[in-house]
Amino acid sequence: MGREGKPPRTLHRTGAADLRFLDRLLDDLDAFLMDDPSVGDEDRSLFLLAVSEVTTNIVTHGGPGATLTLDVGIHAEDLRARIDDTAPPALIDWNSVSLPSEEAVSGRGLAIAVAVLDELSHEATETGNVWLLRRSLSGSAHDGLGV
């Protein structure tokens, strides 16, 4: 069952960039995606994973007092998220984003997000960072992680 001709369903959450808010945010996002029959289990799981990886990086590296805002839309063809934070601007060398060795204990987040999304972009602003994520709904070809 698709969403053709329907306006996008949206979810908006904002709060402190801390683990307590992150847990609630991811639970709300999971429930929101599960509630829409046009979003299959694989799309839901992988989009949730990507959002989790990006938001966990914000919480981990954002510093005290940072806030995080998530806006998600379920569209006819894809899932989209915009994440705004007030953390210091993240400096990302996209050419070096890759999965680290198996022995590494960190550094997988953005590589995983890139692998499961069709688009991931970042812009550092005067007030923090803007992250845009997009995953096509089932039936689209994906690179990475076998999806």
N, C-alpha and C. Protein backbone atom coordinates (compact mmCIF):
# COMPACT_ATOMS: atom_id res chain seq x y z
N MET A 1 0.85 -1.18 0.00
CA MET A 1 0.00 0.00 0.00
C MET A 1 0.89 1.24 0.00
N GLY A 2 0.84 2.05 -1.04
CA GLY A 2 1.68 3.23 -1.17
C GLY A 2 1.04 4.49 -0.63
N ARG A 3 1.78 5.58 -0.75
CA ARG A 3 1.31 6.87 -0.27
C ARG A 3 1.05 7.83 -1.44
N GLU A 4 0.99 7.32 -2.67
CA GLU A 4 0.80 8.17 -3.83
C GLU A 4 -0.40 9.08 -3.63
N GLY A 5 -0.20 10.36 -3.94
CA GLY A 5 -1.29 11.32 -3.87
C GLY A 5 -1.62 11.80 -2.46
N LYS A 6 -0.96 11.27 -1.47
CA LYS A 6 -1.22 11.68 -0.09
C LYS A 6 -0.13 12.65 0.36
N PRO A 7 -0.48 13.60 1.23
CA PRO A 7 0.57 14.47 1.77
C PRO A 7 1.49 13.65 2.67
N PRO A 8 2.74 14.09 2.82
CA PRO A 8 3.64 13.33 3.68
C PRO A 8 3.17 13.35 5.14
N ARG A 9 3.36 12.23 5.82
CA ARG A 9 3.16 12.19 7.26
C ARG A 9 4.44 12.71 7.89
N THR A 10 4.31 13.48 8.96
CA THR A 10 5.50 14.08 9.55
C THR A 10 5.59 13.84 11.05
N LEU A 11 6.81 13.87 11.53
CA LEU A 11 7.12 13.75 12.95
C LEU A 11 8.12 14.83 13.27
N HIS A 12 7.91 15.54 14.39
CA HIS A 12 8.82 16.59 14.83
C HIS A 12 9.14 16.38 16.30
N ARG A 13 10.42 16.37 16.63
CA ARG A 13 10.86 16.25 18.02
C ARG A 13 12.05 17.17 18.22
N THR A 14 12.10 17.82 19.39
CA THR A 14 13.25 18.65 19.74
C THR A 14 13.53 18.49 21.23
N GLY A 15 14.81 18.55 21.58
CA GLY A 15 15.19 18.43 22.98
C GLY A 15 16.69 18.52 23.16
N ALA A 16 17.11 18.32 24.40
CA ALA A 16 18.54 18.34 24.73
C ALA A 16 19.24 17.18 24.03
N ALA A 17 20.44 17.43 23.54
CA ALA A 17 21.21 16.38 22.87
C ALA A 17 21.88 15.52 23.94
N ASP A 18 21.04 14.68 24.59
CA ASP A 18 21.55 13.78 25.62
C ASP A 18 20.93 12.40 25.43
N LEU A 19 21.45 11.42 26.16
CA LEU A 19 21.01 10.03 25.98
C LEU A 19 19.55 9.83 26.33
N ARG A 20 19.04 10.53 27.32
CA ARG A 20 17.62 10.39 27.71
C ARG A 20 16.72 10.82 26.56
N PHE A 21 16.99 11.98 25.99
CA PHE A 21 16.19 12.45 24.86
C PHE A 21 16.38 11.53 23.65
N LEU A 22 17.61 11.09 23.40
CA LEU A 22 17.89 10.22 22.26
C LEU A 22 17.06 8.94 22.33
N ASP A 23 16.97 8.33 23.51
CA ASP A 23 16.16 7.11 23.66
C ASP A 23 14.70 7.37 23.31
N ARG A 24 14.13 8.45 23.82
CA ARG A 24 12.73 8.79 23.52
C ARG A 24 12.54 9.09 22.04
N LEU A 25 13.47 9.83 21.47
CA LEU A 25 13.41 10.21 20.06
C LEU A 25 13.38 8.97 19.17
N LEU A 26 14.27 8.02 19.42
CA LEU A 26 14.35 6.81 18.59
C LEU A 26 13.13 5.92 18.79
N ASP A 27 12.62 5.84 20.03
CA ASP A 27 11.38 5.09 20.27
C ASP A 27 10.21 5.72 19.52
N ASP A 28 10.11 7.05 19.57
CA ASP A 28 9.02 7.75 18.86
C ASP A 28 9.14 7.54 17.35
N LEU A 29 10.36 7.62 16.83
CA LEU A 29 10.57 7.44 15.39
C LEU A 29 10.20 6.01 14.97
N ASP A 30 10.60 5.03 15.75
CA ASP A 30 10.28 3.64 15.43
C ASP A 30 8.76 3.45 15.39
N ALA A 31 8.06 3.96 16.39
CA ALA A 31 6.60 3.83 16.44
C ALA A 31 5.95 4.56 15.26
N PHE A 32 6.45 5.74 14.93
CA PHE A 32 5.93 6.52 13.81
C PHE A 32 6.07 5.75 12.49
N LEU A 33 7.23 5.16 12.27
CA LEU A 33 7.46 4.41 11.03
C LEU A 33 6.65 3.12 11.00
N MET A 34 6.52 2.46 12.15
CA MET A 34 5.75 1.21 12.20
C MET A 34 4.26 1.45 11.94
N ASP A 35 3.80 2.65 12.25
CA ASP A 35 2.38 2.97 12.12
C ASP A 35 1.96 3.24 10.67
N ASP A 36 2.90 3.27 9.75
CA ASP A 36 2.56 3.56 8.35
C ASP A 36 2.75 2.30 7.51
N PRO A 37 1.67 1.77 6.93
CA PRO A 37 1.77 0.52 6.17
C PRO A 37 2.62 0.64 4.90
N SER A 38 2.93 1.84 4.45
CA SER A 38 3.76 1.99 3.25
C SER A 38 5.24 1.82 3.56
N VAL A 39 5.60 1.74 4.84
CA VAL A 39 7.00 1.59 5.24
C VAL A 39 7.23 0.14 5.66
N GLY A 40 7.99 -0.59 4.85
CA GLY A 40 8.29 -1.98 5.15
C GLY A 40 9.30 -2.11 6.28
N ASP A 41 9.40 -3.31 6.81
CA ASP A 41 10.29 -3.57 7.95
C ASP A 41 11.75 -3.23 7.63
N GLU A 42 12.23 -3.60 6.45
CA GLU A 42 13.62 -3.32 6.11
C GLU A 42 13.87 -1.82 6.01
N ASP A 43 12.98 -1.10 5.33
CA ASP A 43 13.14 0.35 5.22
C ASP A 43 13.09 1.00 6.60
N ARG A 44 12.15 0.57 7.43
CA ARG A 44 12.03 1.13 8.78
C ARG A 44 13.31 0.88 9.57
N SER A 45 13.78 -0.34 9.58
CA SER A 45 14.96 -0.71 10.37
C SER A 45 16.21 0.05 9.91
N LEU A 46 16.42 0.12 8.60
CA LEU A 46 17.64 0.74 8.10
C LEU A 46 17.60 2.27 8.21
N PHE A 47 16.42 2.86 8.01
CA PHE A 47 16.31 4.31 8.19
C PHE A 47 16.49 4.66 9.66
N LEU A 48 15.89 3.89 10.54
CA LEU A 48 16.05 4.09 11.98
C LEU A 48 17.52 3.95 12.38
N LEU A 49 18.21 2.97 11.81
CA LEU A 49 19.63 2.79 12.07
C LEU A 49 20.43 4.03 11.67
N ALA A 50 20.16 4.55 10.49
CA ALA A 50 20.89 5.73 10.01
C ALA A 50 20.63 6.94 10.91
N VAL A 51 19.37 7.18 11.25
CA VAL A 51 19.04 8.30 12.14
C VAL A 51 19.72 8.10 13.49
N SER A 52 19.71 6.87 13.99
CA SER A 52 20.36 6.57 15.26
C SER A 52 21.85 6.86 15.21
N GLU A 53 22.51 6.48 14.14
CA GLU A 53 23.95 6.71 14.03
C GLU A 53 24.28 8.19 14.01
N VAL A 54 23.54 8.98 13.24
CA VAL A 54 23.80 10.41 13.16
C VAL A 54 23.49 11.09 14.49
N THR A 55 22.34 10.79 15.08
CA THR A 55 21.97 11.45 16.34
C THR A 55 22.87 11.02 17.49
N THR A 56 23.31 9.77 17.48
CA THR A 56 24.25 9.32 18.53
C THR A 56 25.56 10.09 18.41
N ASN A 57 26.03 10.34 17.20
CA ASN A 57 27.23 11.15 17.02
C ASN A 57 27.03 12.55 17.57
N ILE A 58 25.86 13.13 17.35
CA ILE A 58 25.58 14.47 17.87
C ILE A 58 25.63 14.46 19.39
N VAL A 59 24.99 13.48 20.00
CA VAL A 59 24.98 13.38 21.46
C VAL A 59 26.41 13.16 21.99
N THR A 60 27.16 12.30 21.32
CA THR A 60 28.51 11.97 21.77
C THR A 60 29.48 13.12 21.62
N HIS A 61 29.37 13.87 20.52
CA HIS A 61 30.37 14.89 20.20
C HIS A 61 29.85 16.31 20.32
N GLY A 62 28.58 16.47 20.68
CA GLY A 62 27.96 17.79 20.64
C GLY A 62 28.34 18.75 21.75
N GLY A 63 28.79 18.23 22.85
CA GLY A 63 29.17 19.10 23.94
C GLY A 63 27.98 19.48 24.81
N PRO A 64 28.27 20.06 25.97
CA PRO A 64 27.20 20.41 26.92
C PRO A 64 26.30 21.50 26.36
N GLY A 65 25.01 21.34 26.62
CA GLY A 65 24.04 22.36 26.23
C GLY A 65 23.55 22.27 24.81
N ALA A 66 24.06 21.34 24.02
CA ALA A 66 23.62 21.22 22.63
C ALA A 66 22.17 20.72 22.59
N THR A 67 21.45 21.18 21.60
CA THR A 67 20.08 20.71 21.37
C THR A 67 20.01 20.03 20.00
N LEU A 68 18.96 19.25 19.83
CA LEU A 68 18.80 18.46 18.62
C LEU A 68 17.33 18.55 18.22
N THR A 69 17.07 18.77 16.94
CA THR A 69 15.71 18.78 16.39
C THR A 69 15.66 17.81 15.23
N LEU A 70 14.65 16.94 15.26
CA LEU A 70 14.45 15.96 14.20
C LEU A 70 13.11 16.20 13.54
N ASP A 71 13.12 16.32 12.22
CA ASP A 71 11.90 16.39 11.43
C ASP A 71 11.96 15.26 10.41
N VAL A 72 10.95 14.38 10.44
CA VAL A 72 10.90 13.23 9.54
C VAL A 72 9.63 13.30 8.72
N GLY A 73 9.74 12.94 7.44
CA GLY A 73 8.58 12.86 6.57
C GLY A 73 8.54 11.52 5.86
N ILE A 74 7.36 10.93 5.84
CA ILE A 74 7.14 9.72 5.04
C ILE A 74 6.45 10.20 3.77
N HIS A 75 7.15 10.10 2.66
CA HIS A 75 6.65 10.56 1.37
C HIS A 75 6.28 9.34 0.52
N ALA A 76 5.69 9.58 -0.62
CA ALA A 76 5.25 8.49 -1.49
C ALA A 76 6.41 7.60 -1.91
N GLU A 77 7.57 8.18 -2.16
CA GLU A 77 8.70 7.43 -2.68
C GLU A 77 9.82 7.20 -1.68
N ASP A 78 9.84 7.96 -0.58
CA ASP A 78 11.00 7.85 0.30
C ASP A 78 10.71 8.32 1.72
N LEU A 79 11.70 8.09 2.56
CA LEU A 79 11.72 8.58 3.93
C LEU A 79 12.77 9.68 3.98
N ARG A 80 12.44 10.79 4.63
CA ARG A 80 13.38 11.91 4.70
C ARG A 80 13.47 12.40 6.14
N ALA A 81 14.67 12.77 6.53
CA ALA A 81 14.87 13.36 7.86
C ALA A 81 15.77 14.58 7.72
N ARG A 82 15.44 15.57 8.52
CA ARG A 82 16.30 16.73 8.70
C ARG A 82 16.62 16.79 10.18
N ILE A 83 17.90 16.83 10.48
CA ILE A 83 18.34 16.91 11.86
C ILE A 83 19.14 18.19 12.01
N ASP A 84 18.68 19.07 12.89
CA ASP A 84 19.38 20.30 13.20
C ASP A 84 19.94 20.18 14.61
N ASP A 85 21.18 20.61 14.81
CA ASP A 85 21.73 20.62 16.15
C ASP A 85 22.45 21.93 16.41
N THR A 86 22.67 22.21 17.69
CA THR A 86 23.39 23.42 18.07
C THR A 86 24.80 23.08 18.54
N ALA A 87 25.29 21.92 18.16
CA ALA A 87 26.65 21.50 18.49
C ALA A 87 27.65 22.32 17.68
N PRO A 88 28.90 22.32 18.11
CA PRO A 88 29.91 22.99 17.29
C PRO A 88 29.91 22.39 15.88
N PRO A 89 30.20 23.20 14.88
CA PRO A 89 30.19 22.69 13.50
C PRO A 89 31.08 21.46 13.35
N ALA A 90 30.52 20.41 12.77
CA ALA A 90 31.27 19.17 12.53
C ALA A 90 32.07 19.32 11.25
N LEU A 91 33.33 18.98 11.33
CA LEU A 91 34.19 19.01 10.15
C LEU A 91 34.32 17.58 9.65
N ILE A 92 33.75 17.31 8.47
CA ILE A 92 33.68 15.94 7.95
C ILE A 92 34.39 15.87 6.61
N ASP A 93 35.33 14.95 6.52
CA ASP A 93 35.97 14.65 5.25
C ASP A 93 35.23 13.45 4.67
N TRP A 94 34.24 13.71 3.80
CA TRP A 94 33.39 12.65 3.27
C TRP A 94 34.19 11.62 2.48
N ASN A 95 35.33 12.00 1.94
CA ASN A 95 36.15 11.06 1.19
C ASN A 95 36.80 10.02 2.10
N SER A 96 36.89 10.32 3.39
CA SER A 96 37.53 9.36 4.30
C SER A 96 36.51 8.58 5.13
N VAL A 97 35.21 8.79 4.88
CA VAL A 97 34.19 8.05 5.63
C VAL A 97 34.13 6.63 5.10
N SER A 98 34.54 5.69 5.95
CA SER A 98 34.51 4.27 5.59
C SER A 98 34.48 3.45 6.88
N LEU A 99 34.11 2.21 6.73
CA LEU A 99 34.07 1.34 7.90
C LEU A 99 35.51 1.08 8.38
N PRO A 100 35.75 1.24 9.69
CA PRO A 100 37.09 0.99 10.21
C PRO A 100 37.34 -0.52 10.33
N SER A 101 38.51 -0.86 10.77
CA SER A 101 38.86 -2.27 10.96
C SER A 101 37.96 -2.91 12.01
N GLU A 102 37.91 -4.21 12.00
CA GLU A 102 37.07 -4.94 12.96
C GLU A 102 37.50 -4.68 14.40
N GLU A 103 38.76 -4.35 14.62
CA GLU A 103 39.27 -4.11 15.96
C GLU A 103 38.88 -2.75 16.51
N ALA A 104 38.50 -1.81 15.64
CA ALA A 104 38.15 -0.46 16.07
C ALA A 104 36.90 -0.48 16.95
N VAL A 105 36.89 0.37 17.97
CA VAL A 105 35.74 0.41 18.87
C VAL A 105 34.79 1.56 18.55
N SER A 106 35.15 2.41 17.60
CA SER A 106 34.27 3.50 17.20
C SER A 106 34.56 3.85 15.74
N GLY A 107 33.81 4.83 15.23
CA GLY A 107 34.06 5.32 13.89
C GLY A 107 33.24 4.69 12.79
N ARG A 108 32.18 3.95 13.16
CA ARG A 108 31.36 3.29 12.14
C ARG A 108 30.10 4.07 11.77
N GLY A 109 29.70 5.00 12.61
CA GLY A 109 28.40 5.64 12.49
C GLY A 109 28.08 6.23 11.12
N LEU A 110 28.89 7.17 10.67
CA LEU A 110 28.59 7.80 9.38
C LEU A 110 28.73 6.83 8.22
N ALA A 111 29.69 5.90 8.31
CA ALA A 111 29.87 4.91 7.24
C ALA A 111 28.62 4.02 7.13
N ILE A 112 28.06 3.62 8.26
CA ILE A 112 26.84 2.82 8.24
C ILE A 112 25.70 3.63 7.65
N ALA A 113 25.55 4.88 8.09
CA ALA A 113 24.47 5.73 7.58
C ALA A 113 24.59 5.91 6.07
N VAL A 114 25.79 6.17 5.58
CA VAL A 114 26.00 6.33 4.13
C VAL A 114 25.61 5.05 3.40
N ALA A 115 25.92 3.90 3.97
CA ALA A 115 25.66 2.62 3.31
C ALA A 115 24.17 2.32 3.19
N VAL A 116 23.36 2.75 4.12
CA VAL A 116 21.94 2.37 4.11
C VAL A 116 21.02 3.47 3.58
N LEU A 117 21.57 4.63 3.27
CA LEU A 117 20.77 5.73 2.74
C LEU A 117 21.07 5.96 1.27
N ASP A 118 20.13 6.60 0.59
CA ASP A 118 20.37 7.05 -0.77
C ASP A 118 21.07 8.40 -0.78
N GLU A 119 20.82 9.19 0.26
CA GLU A 119 21.46 10.49 0.37
C GLU A 119 21.72 10.81 1.84
N LEU A 120 22.90 11.34 2.11
CA LEU A 120 23.25 11.88 3.42
C LEU A 120 24.09 13.10 3.17
N SER A 121 23.63 14.24 3.66
CA SER A 121 24.42 15.46 3.50
C SER A 121 24.50 16.17 4.83
N HIS A 122 25.50 17.02 4.94
CA HIS A 122 25.75 17.77 6.17
C HIS A 122 26.17 19.18 5.79
N GLU A 123 25.68 20.13 6.55
CA GLU A 123 26.10 21.52 6.38
C GLU A 123 26.37 22.10 7.75
N ALA A 124 27.58 22.62 7.93
CA ALA A 124 27.91 23.34 9.16
C ALA A 124 27.40 24.77 9.00
N THR A 125 26.71 25.26 10.02
CA THR A 125 26.16 26.61 9.99
C THR A 125 26.71 27.42 11.17
N GLU A 126 26.33 28.68 11.24
CA GLU A 126 26.77 29.52 12.35
C GLU A 126 26.19 29.05 13.68
N THR A 127 25.07 28.32 13.62
CA THR A 127 24.40 27.91 14.85
C THR A 127 24.54 26.42 15.14
N GLY A 128 25.27 25.67 14.30
CA GLY A 128 25.43 24.24 14.53
C GLY A 128 25.58 23.48 13.23
N ASN A 129 24.74 22.47 13.06
CA ASN A 129 24.83 21.58 11.91
C ASN A 129 23.44 21.21 11.41
N VAL A 130 23.34 20.99 10.11
CA VAL A 130 22.11 20.50 9.48
C VAL A 130 22.46 19.23 8.74
N TRP A 131 21.74 18.15 9.06
CA TRP A 131 21.94 16.85 8.45
C TRP A 131 20.68 16.49 7.67
N LEU A 132 20.82 16.08 6.41
CA LEU A 132 19.69 15.66 5.58
C LEU A 132 19.89 14.20 5.20
N LEU A 133 18.87 13.38 5.49
CA LEU A 133 18.93 11.94 5.23
C LEU A 133 17.75 11.56 4.35
N ARG A 134 17.99 10.67 3.37
CA ARG A 134 16.90 10.19 2.52
C ARG A 134 17.14 8.73 2.18
N ARG A 135 16.07 7.94 2.30
CA ARG A 135 16.09 6.54 1.89
C ARG A 135 14.86 6.27 1.04
N SER A 136 15.08 5.77 -0.17
CA SER A 136 13.95 5.38 -1.03
C SER A 136 13.23 4.21 -0.41
N LEU A 137 11.91 4.19 -0.57
CA LEU A 137 11.14 3.06 -0.05
C LEU A 137 11.33 1.83 -0.91
N SER A 138 11.00 0.68 -0.40
CA SER A 138 11.22 -0.63 -1.02
C SER A 138 11.05 -0.60 -2.53
N GLY A 139 11.89 -1.43 -3.16
CA GLY A 139 11.84 -1.53 -4.61
C GLY A 139 12.95 -0.73 -5.26
N SER A 140 13.66 0.08 -4.47
CA SER A 140 14.77 0.87 -5.01
C SER A 140 16.07 0.14 -4.77
N ALA A 141 17.02 0.35 -5.64
CA ALA A 141 18.33 -0.29 -5.49
C ALA A 141 19.15 0.49 -4.47
N HIS A 142 19.84 -0.23 -3.60
CA HIS A 142 20.71 0.38 -2.61
C HIS A 142 22.07 -0.26 -2.71
N ASP A 143 23.10 0.54 -2.48
CA ASP A 143 24.45 0.03 -2.40
C ASP A 143 24.79 -0.21 -0.93
N GLY A 144 25.75 -1.03 -0.68
CA GLY A 144 26.25 -1.24 0.67
C GLY A 144 25.38 -2.14 1.50
N LEU A 145 25.93 -2.81 2.43
CA LEU A 145 25.27 -3.71 3.39
C LEU A 145 24.27 -4.66 2.76
N GLY A 146 24.39 -4.88 1.48
CA GLY A 146 23.53 -5.86 0.82
C GLY A 146 22.07 -5.48 0.71
N VAL A 147 21.78 -4.17 0.80
CA VAL A 147 20.38 -3.74 0.68
C VAL A 147 20.16 -2.89 -0.53
